[in-house]
Amino acid sequence: MAGSWLCRDDFDRERLLDMEERIKPVRRLALGILAIALIASAPWLGWWTLIPLAGAAGFFLAADAGLERSERPEYLMFAAWVGSEMMIAIAIALTGGPDVATISWLAIPVVTLSARFSLRGVIIGVTIAIALLVAVTFISATGAVLDDPTLVLAPLALIVAIAILSTALMQSDMEHRGEAVIDPLTGMLNRKALMNRADELSQQSEVTGQPVGMILGDLDQFKDVNDSQGHAAGDAALTDVAYLLRKRLRAFDLAYRVGGEEFLILLPGADTPECATIAEELRSAVASEPVGDNTMLTVSFGVSASAPGESFDYAKVFAAADEALYEAKSDGRNCVCDRPPVVFSKAPRSAAMHAASAATSTAS
């Protein structure tokens, strides 16, 4: 899936979804603290100030409800962010504008911008926050602001300073996390990122009851490419195949390189038939376009998914997808096979291969 002005690539979307899961409990705590402050301030500000706070919480609840199913989850979250900032601005305007201490609360949502969005998204978010600040202060108390410009300058400086500091800290964190979870050859997420995401999807499926699909793919006879054209050509082909897969997936479908020429895709909300349809589209895309040094390759896929209403069990679904992949290879390659999750008495065929290939940094 192509990037957007809020998320540059799949890694940014993975970070957004991951960060949202981490922020949710903290956000509830922060909203609770603000609610307590407003209740304590009710004799001076009025009880009605709790209404905009509830509205801000409502925006995020609505965004969270559709986040996993959205083609562009970043747009939902940014809309919720803008909505919360507007609720704060409305509350400030109706309680005295620049004369109330709560004007500094416009800076609170700014803290989370860089944790979710690209630098362009941060800049646009800060611009919106400043525009709301200026509008609130001048519309509600133009004379007071002209007499004392610090009423605007102080919170404006706070918003900008928080944005700069949080962005610098997040970029440093992203560099270290990117090195840990991104495959350097293909730009796909790696096994470490896969395990983190699998745990999250397991917890989410217990709550939502939605299925989680898995597509396991392996390039057919890829060793012949390395043997006949060299490892550089093999690496180029792998990079191109990874691009073909990623650009045909939905925004919330995440692709991982789990071995030398093996890929795994997680599809939240997709059952086995839907996964098989997507896998067939991916198979056709790879088979129809030359990759690397004008090389034609094919890929075999094994597909499985957890049942609706059941918790996603990564080991069971992976074992079924792995067996389906083995069947696809046995059936002549360049095809898609599917199986429902079952409990196997022994480790799946490729578990040992996956463990061995985890240390592989280039295509075999």
Protein backbone atom coordinates (compact mmCIF):
# COMPACT_ATOMS: atom_id res chain seq x y z
CA MET A 1 0.00 0.00 0.00
CA ALA A 2 1.39 3.40 -0.98
CA GLY A 3 2.23 5.99 1.63
CA SER A 4 0.28 9.14 2.42
CA TRP A 5 1.05 12.61 3.72
CA LEU A 6 0.57 11.24 7.25
CA CYS A 7 2.37 7.88 6.92
CA ARG A 8 5.26 7.37 4.53
CA ASP A 9 5.12 3.57 4.34
CA ASP A 10 3.98 0.34 6.00
CA PHE A 11 6.43 0.80 8.85
CA ASP A 12 4.83 4.15 9.69
CA ARG A 13 1.40 2.50 9.72
CA GLU A 14 2.68 -0.32 11.89
CA ARG A 15 4.10 2.30 14.26
CA LEU A 16 0.78 4.17 14.30
CA LEU A 17 -1.20 1.04 15.15
CA ASP A 18 1.36 -0.05 17.71
CA MET A 19 1.52 3.39 19.31
CA GLU A 20 -2.26 3.68 19.44
CA GLU A 21 -2.44 0.46 21.44
CA ARG A 22 0.15 1.85 23.85
CA ILE A 23 -1.44 5.30 24.07
CA LYS A 24 -5.02 4.16 24.69
CA PRO A 25 -4.68 3.32 28.40
CA VAL A 26 -2.49 6.38 28.99
CA ARG A 27 -5.00 8.57 27.16
CA ARG A 28 -7.80 7.32 29.39
CA LEU A 29 -5.70 8.20 32.43
CA ALA A 30 -4.91 11.66 31.02
CA LEU A 31 -8.59 12.33 30.26
CA GLY A 32 -9.44 11.21 33.77
CA ILE A 33 -6.95 13.68 35.23
CA LEU A 34 -8.37 16.49 33.09
CA ALA A 35 -11.90 15.52 34.18
CA ILE A 36 -10.89 15.70 37.85
CA ALA A 37 -9.33 19.11 37.25
CA LEU A 38 -12.50 20.37 35.55
CA ILE A 39 -14.70 19.01 38.32
CA ALA A 40 -12.53 20.76 40.91
CA SER A 41 -12.70 23.96 38.84
CA ALA A 42 -16.46 23.74 38.29
CA PRO A 43 -17.29 26.55 40.79
CA TRP A 44 -15.26 28.92 38.62
CA LEU A 45 -15.61 27.45 35.11
CA GLY A 46 -18.92 25.61 35.30
CA TRP A 47 -19.89 21.95 35.01
CA TRP A 48 -20.59 22.18 31.31
CA THR A 49 -16.85 22.17 30.55
CA LEU A 50 -16.97 18.39 30.95
CA ILE A 51 -19.02 18.19 27.73
CA PRO A 52 -16.15 19.15 25.36
CA LEU A 53 -13.88 16.71 27.23
CA ALA A 54 -16.41 13.92 26.67
CA GLY A 55 -16.56 14.96 23.00
CA ALA A 56 -12.79 14.63 22.68
CA ALA A 57 -12.94 11.16 24.20
CA GLY A 58 -15.75 10.27 21.81
CA PHE A 59 -13.66 11.19 18.77
CA PHE A 60 -10.95 8.73 19.78
CA LEU A 61 -13.43 5.98 20.65
CA ALA A 62 -14.96 6.31 17.18
CA ALA A 63 -11.53 6.24 15.54
CA ASP A 64 -10.40 3.19 17.53
CA ALA A 65 -13.55 1.31 16.52
CA GLY A 66 -12.67 1.50 12.82
CA LEU A 67 -8.89 1.61 12.99
CA GLU A 68 -8.11 -2.02 12.14
CA ARG A 69 -10.61 -2.12 9.24
CA SER A 70 -9.70 1.21 7.68
CA GLU A 71 -7.78 1.35 4.41
CA ARG A 72 -6.09 4.52 5.72
CA PRO A 73 -6.02 4.29 9.52
CA GLU A 74 -3.86 7.40 9.73
CA TYR A 75 -6.72 9.56 8.42
CA LEU A 76 -9.11 8.29 11.10
CA MET A 77 -6.61 8.97 13.86
CA PHE A 78 -5.70 12.41 12.54
CA ALA A 79 -9.39 13.34 12.32
CA ALA A 80 -9.82 12.26 15.95
CA TRP A 81 -6.77 14.30 16.91
CA VAL A 82 -8.14 17.42 15.19
CA GLY A 83 -11.53 16.84 16.82
CA SER A 84 -10.01 16.67 20.30
CA GLU A 85 -8.03 19.85 19.70
CA MET A 86 -11.18 21.63 18.52
CA MET A 87 -13.09 20.51 21.64
CA ILE A 88 -10.38 22.02 23.83
CA ALA A 89 -10.46 25.24 21.81
CA ILE A 90 -14.25 25.50 22.11
CA ALA A 91 -14.09 25.00 25.86
CA ILE A 92 -11.42 27.71 26.17
CA ALA A 93 -13.38 30.15 24.03
CA LEU A 94 -16.53 29.75 26.10
CA THR A 95 -14.80 30.07 29.47
CA GLY A 96 -12.83 33.25 28.95
CA GLY A 97 -10.34 32.74 26.12
CA PRO A 98 -6.78 33.81 26.96
CA ASP A 99 -7.73 34.67 30.54
CA VAL A 100 -8.26 31.06 31.60
CA ALA A 101 -5.40 28.80 32.71
CA THR A 102 -6.72 25.91 30.62
CA ILE A 103 -5.51 27.60 27.42
CA SER A 104 -2.25 25.66 27.88
CA TRP A 105 -4.22 22.44 27.39
CA LEU A 106 -4.05 23.02 23.63
CA ALA A 107 -0.48 21.75 23.88
CA ILE A 108 -1.46 18.36 25.34
CA PRO A 109 -2.54 16.65 22.07
CA VAL A 110 0.58 18.01 20.34
CA VAL A 111 2.68 15.63 22.46
CA THR A 112 1.27 12.63 20.59
CA LEU A 113 1.67 13.94 17.02
CA SER A 114 5.18 12.68 16.34
CA ALA A 115 4.37 9.30 17.90
CA ARG A 116 1.76 8.68 15.22
CA PHE A 117 2.48 10.68 12.08
CA SER A 118 5.22 11.72 9.68
CA LEU A 119 7.01 15.06 9.99
CA ARG A 120 4.53 16.57 7.53
CA GLY A 121 1.67 15.43 9.75
CA VAL A 122 3.39 16.97 12.78
CA ILE A 123 3.81 20.30 11.00
CA ILE A 124 0.17 20.35 9.88
CA GLY A 125 -1.01 19.38 13.36
CA VAL A 126 1.05 22.13 15.00
CA THR A 127 -0.27 24.62 12.45
CA ILE A 128 -3.84 23.62 13.32
CA ALA A 129 -3.13 23.96 17.04
CA ILE A 130 -1.63 27.44 16.57
CA ALA A 131 -4.52 28.51 14.33
CA LEU A 132 -7.02 27.41 16.97
CA LEU A 133 -5.03 29.22 19.66
CA VAL A 134 -4.98 32.49 17.70
CA ALA A 135 -8.65 32.19 16.77
CA VAL A 136 -9.73 31.47 20.35
CA THR A 137 -7.75 34.30 21.87
CA PHE A 138 -8.56 37.01 19.33
CA ILE A 139 -12.22 36.14 18.90
CA SER A 140 -12.97 35.92 22.61
CA ALA A 141 -10.74 38.74 23.88
CA THR A 142 -9.14 40.85 21.15
CA GLY A 143 -8.55 43.84 23.40
CA ALA A 144 -6.88 41.81 26.14
CA VAL A 145 -4.53 40.17 23.64
CA LEU A 146 -3.55 43.49 22.07
CA ASP A 147 -2.84 44.92 25.53
CA ASP A 148 -0.85 41.85 26.58
CA PRO A 149 0.49 39.77 23.64
CA THR A 150 2.06 37.28 26.07
CA LEU A 151 -1.41 35.81 26.50
CA VAL A 152 -0.89 34.32 23.02
CA LEU A 153 2.89 34.16 22.82
CA ALA A 154 3.34 32.01 25.94
CA PRO A 155 1.00 29.14 24.96
CA LEU A 156 2.18 29.42 21.34
CA ALA A 157 5.79 28.94 22.42
CA LEU A 158 4.71 26.01 24.60
CA ILE A 159 3.00 24.29 21.64
CA VAL A 160 6.02 24.74 19.35
CA ALA A 161 8.56 23.71 22.01
CA ILE A 162 6.64 20.55 22.86
CA ALA A 163 6.35 19.66 19.16
CA ILE A 164 10.10 20.13 18.61
CA LEU A 165 11.16 18.15 21.67
CA SER A 166 8.72 15.27 21.17
CA THR A 167 9.65 14.99 17.47
CA ALA A 168 13.37 14.85 18.22
CA LEU A 169 12.85 12.15 20.85
CA MET A 170 10.56 10.13 18.59
CA GLN A 171 12.93 10.29 15.61
CA SER A 172 15.72 8.95 17.79
CA ASP A 173 13.46 6.15 19.01
CA MET A 174 12.35 5.37 15.44
CA GLU A 175 15.93 5.01 14.25
CA HIS A 176 16.71 2.46 16.93
CA ARG A 177 13.40 0.63 16.54
CA GLY A 178 13.71 0.65 12.76
CA GLU A 179 17.09 -1.04 12.97
CA ALA A 180 15.54 -3.69 15.21
CA VAL A 181 12.35 -4.51 13.29
CA ILE A 182 13.04 -3.70 9.59
CA ASP A 183 14.63 -6.16 7.18
CA PRO A 184 17.46 -4.12 5.62
CA LEU A 185 17.24 -5.80 2.19
CA THR A 186 13.51 -5.65 1.41
CA GLY A 187 12.34 -2.92 3.77
CA MET A 188 9.74 -5.34 5.11
CA LEU A 189 9.13 -5.89 8.79
CA ASN A 190 11.11 -8.76 10.31
CA ARG A 191 10.40 -11.63 12.71
CA LYS A 192 10.74 -9.49 15.82
CA ALA A 193 8.05 -7.12 14.58
CA LEU A 194 5.93 -10.14 13.62
CA MET A 195 5.97 -11.57 17.12
CA ASN A 196 4.98 -8.23 18.65
CA ARG A 197 2.11 -7.81 16.19
CA ALA A 198 0.90 -11.39 16.61
CA ASP A 199 0.58 -10.88 20.36
CA GLU A 200 -1.42 -7.67 19.82
CA LEU A 201 -3.76 -9.31 17.31
CA SER A 202 -4.34 -12.21 19.68
CA GLN A 203 -5.43 -9.82 22.41
CA GLN A 204 -7.59 -7.79 20.04
CA SER A 205 -9.35 -10.86 18.62
CA GLU A 206 -10.36 -11.90 22.14
CA VAL A 207 -12.24 -8.62 22.41
CA THR A 208 -13.59 -8.17 18.88
CA GLY A 209 -14.15 -11.80 17.89
CA GLN A 210 -12.92 -11.00 14.37
CA PRO A 211 -10.82 -13.54 12.46
CA VAL A 212 -7.17 -12.96 11.69
CA GLY A 213 -5.85 -14.35 8.43
CA MET A 214 -2.35 -15.43 7.48
CA ILE A 215 -0.68 -15.86 4.10
CA LEU A 216 2.64 -17.70 4.01
CA GLY A 217 4.56 -17.44 0.75
CA ASP A 218 7.75 -18.96 -0.61
CA LEU A 219 9.44 -18.10 -3.92
CA ASP A 220 9.63 -21.10 -6.22
CA GLN A 221 13.09 -22.45 -7.11
CA PHE A 222 14.74 -19.24 -5.95
CA LYS A 223 18.03 -21.06 -5.39
CA ASP A 224 18.36 -21.35 -9.18
CA VAL A 225 18.45 -17.54 -9.44
CA ASN A 226 21.27 -17.26 -6.91
CA ASP A 227 23.19 -20.13 -8.54
CA SER A 228 22.83 -18.91 -12.14
CA GLN A 229 22.87 -15.12 -11.73
CA GLY A 230 24.61 -14.53 -8.42
CA HIS A 231 23.46 -13.34 -5.02
CA ALA A 232 23.31 -9.69 -6.10
CA ALA A 233 20.70 -10.57 -8.71
CA GLY A 234 18.87 -12.67 -6.13
CA ASP A 235 18.79 -9.77 -3.70
CA ALA A 236 17.45 -7.44 -6.41
CA ALA A 237 14.71 -9.95 -7.24
CA LEU A 238 13.76 -10.31 -3.59
CA THR A 239 13.52 -6.54 -3.19
CA ASP A 240 11.24 -6.25 -6.23
CA VAL A 241 9.00 -9.11 -5.10
CA ALA A 242 8.66 -7.50 -1.69
CA TYR A 243 7.56 -4.28 -3.38
CA LEU A 244 5.01 -6.10 -5.54
CA LEU A 245 3.50 -7.73 -2.46
CA ARG A 246 3.37 -4.61 -0.31
CA LYS A 247 1.81 -2.31 -2.90
CA ARG A 248 -1.14 -4.68 -3.38
CA LEU A 249 -2.02 -5.05 0.28
CA ARG A 250 -4.44 -2.99 2.33
CA ALA A 251 -3.03 -0.37 4.68
CA PHE A 252 -3.64 -2.52 7.76
CA ASP A 253 -2.30 -5.76 6.22
CA LEU A 254 1.31 -6.20 7.28
CA ALA A 255 3.97 -8.13 5.35
CA TYR A 256 7.05 -9.68 6.95
CA ARG A 257 10.16 -11.36 5.62
CA VAL A 258 10.57 -14.44 7.80
CA GLY A 259 13.24 -16.33 5.89
CA GLY A 260 15.59 -16.15 2.93
CA GLU A 261 12.79 -16.20 0.35
CA GLU A 262 9.78 -16.64 2.62
CA PHE A 263 7.18 -13.97 3.38
CA LEU A 264 4.33 -13.89 5.86
CA ILE A 265 1.32 -11.57 5.74
CA LEU A 266 -1.15 -10.93 8.57
CA LEU A 267 -4.65 -9.81 7.58
CA PRO A 268 -6.79 -8.57 10.50
CA GLY A 269 -10.49 -9.22 9.95
CA ALA A 270 -9.98 -11.62 7.01
CA ASP A 271 -11.26 -15.20 7.01
CA THR A 272 -9.73 -18.07 5.04
CA PRO A 273 -11.62 -17.52 1.75
CA GLU A 274 -10.77 -13.81 1.76
CA CYS A 275 -7.12 -14.61 2.46
CA ALA A 276 -7.10 -17.10 -0.41
CA THR A 277 -8.49 -14.46 -2.78
CA ILE A 278 -5.81 -11.95 -1.76
CA ALA A 279 -3.10 -14.61 -2.02
CA GLU A 280 -4.22 -15.43 -5.57
CA GLU A 281 -3.96 -11.75 -6.50
CA LEU A 282 -0.44 -11.64 -5.07
CA ARG A 283 0.55 -14.86 -6.85
CA SER A 284 -0.69 -13.49 -10.17
CA ALA A 285 1.11 -10.18 -9.66
CA VAL A 286 4.46 -11.84 -9.03
CA ALA A 287 4.08 -14.29 -11.92
CA SER A 288 3.20 -11.56 -14.43
CA GLU A 289 6.03 -9.07 -13.86
CA PRO A 290 9.80 -9.50 -14.28
CA VAL A 291 11.85 -8.72 -11.19
CA GLY A 292 15.48 -7.98 -10.53
CA ASP A 293 17.57 -8.38 -13.67
CA ASN A 294 14.50 -9.12 -15.86
CA THR A 295 13.88 -12.44 -14.11
CA MET A 296 10.51 -14.19 -14.10
CA LEU A 297 9.64 -15.80 -10.77
CA THR A 298 6.63 -17.51 -9.26
CA VAL A 299 5.54 -17.91 -5.65
CA SER A 300 3.53 -20.54 -3.79
CA PHE A 301 1.17 -19.58 -0.98
CA GLY A 302 -0.32 -21.35 2.00
CA VAL A 303 -3.34 -19.72 3.64
CA SER A 304 -5.22 -20.08 6.92
CA ALA A 305 -7.17 -17.93 9.39
CA SER A 306 -8.59 -18.10 12.87
CA ALA A 307 -12.33 -18.76 13.06
CA PRO A 308 -14.70 -15.83 13.75
CA GLY A 309 -15.43 -15.57 17.44
CA GLU A 310 -12.24 -17.38 18.43
CA SER A 311 -9.02 -15.90 19.75
CA PHE A 312 -6.19 -15.72 17.22
CA ASP A 313 -3.67 -18.45 18.03
CA TYR A 314 -0.56 -17.64 16.01
CA ALA A 315 1.04 -21.07 16.40
CA LYS A 316 -2.07 -22.94 15.21
CA VAL A 317 -2.76 -20.64 12.27
CA PHE A 318 0.90 -20.64 11.23
CA ALA A 319 1.04 -24.45 11.37
CA ALA A 320 -2.01 -24.71 9.12
CA ALA A 321 -0.68 -22.12 6.66
CA ASP A 322 2.67 -23.91 6.63
CA GLU A 323 1.05 -27.24 5.80
CA ALA A 324 -0.98 -25.54 3.07
CA LEU A 325 2.25 -24.07 1.64
CA TYR A 326 3.81 -27.53 1.61
CA GLU A 327 0.76 -28.76 -0.30
CA ALA A 328 1.09 -25.90 -2.80
CA LYS A 329 4.73 -26.85 -3.41
CA SER A 330 3.79 -30.51 -3.84
CA ASP A 331 1.02 -29.60 -6.30
CA GLY A 332 3.51 -28.11 -8.72
CA ARG A 333 4.21 -24.66 -7.23
CA ASN A 334 2.84 -21.27 -8.38
CA CYS A 335 -0.52 -21.88 -6.69
CA VAL A 336 -2.51 -21.16 -3.53
CA CYS A 337 -3.69 -23.77 -1.02
CA ASP A 338 -5.59 -23.22 2.22
CA ARG A 339 -6.30 -25.13 5.40
CA PRO A 340 -8.21 -24.40 8.62
CA PRO A 341 -6.16 -24.19 11.81
CA VAL A 342 -5.61 -27.55 13.52
CA VAL A 343 -3.43 -28.74 16.38
CA PHE A 344 -0.35 -30.60 15.16
CA SER A 345 1.45 -33.09 17.35
CA LYS A 346 4.82 -32.04 15.99
CA ALA A 347 6.42 -28.80 14.90
CA PRO A 348 5.46 -27.63 11.40
CA ARG A 349 7.78 -28.37 8.50
CA SER A 350 9.37 -24.94 8.23
CA ALA A 351 9.67 -24.05 11.92
CA ALA A 352 13.29 -25.20 11.99
CA MET A 353 13.99 -23.44 8.71
CA HIS A 354 12.48 -20.23 10.04
CA ALA A 355 14.61 -20.40 13.17
CA ALA A 356 17.73 -20.94 11.08
CA SER A 357 16.87 -18.21 8.61
CA ALA A 358 16.21 -15.63 11.32
CA ALA A 359 19.94 -14.94 11.33
CA THR A 360 20.10 -14.63 7.55
CA SER A 361 20.64 -11.04 6.47
CA THR A 362 20.64 -11.63 2.72
CA ALA A 363 18.78 -13.91 0.33
CA SER A 364 19.97 -17.48 0.25
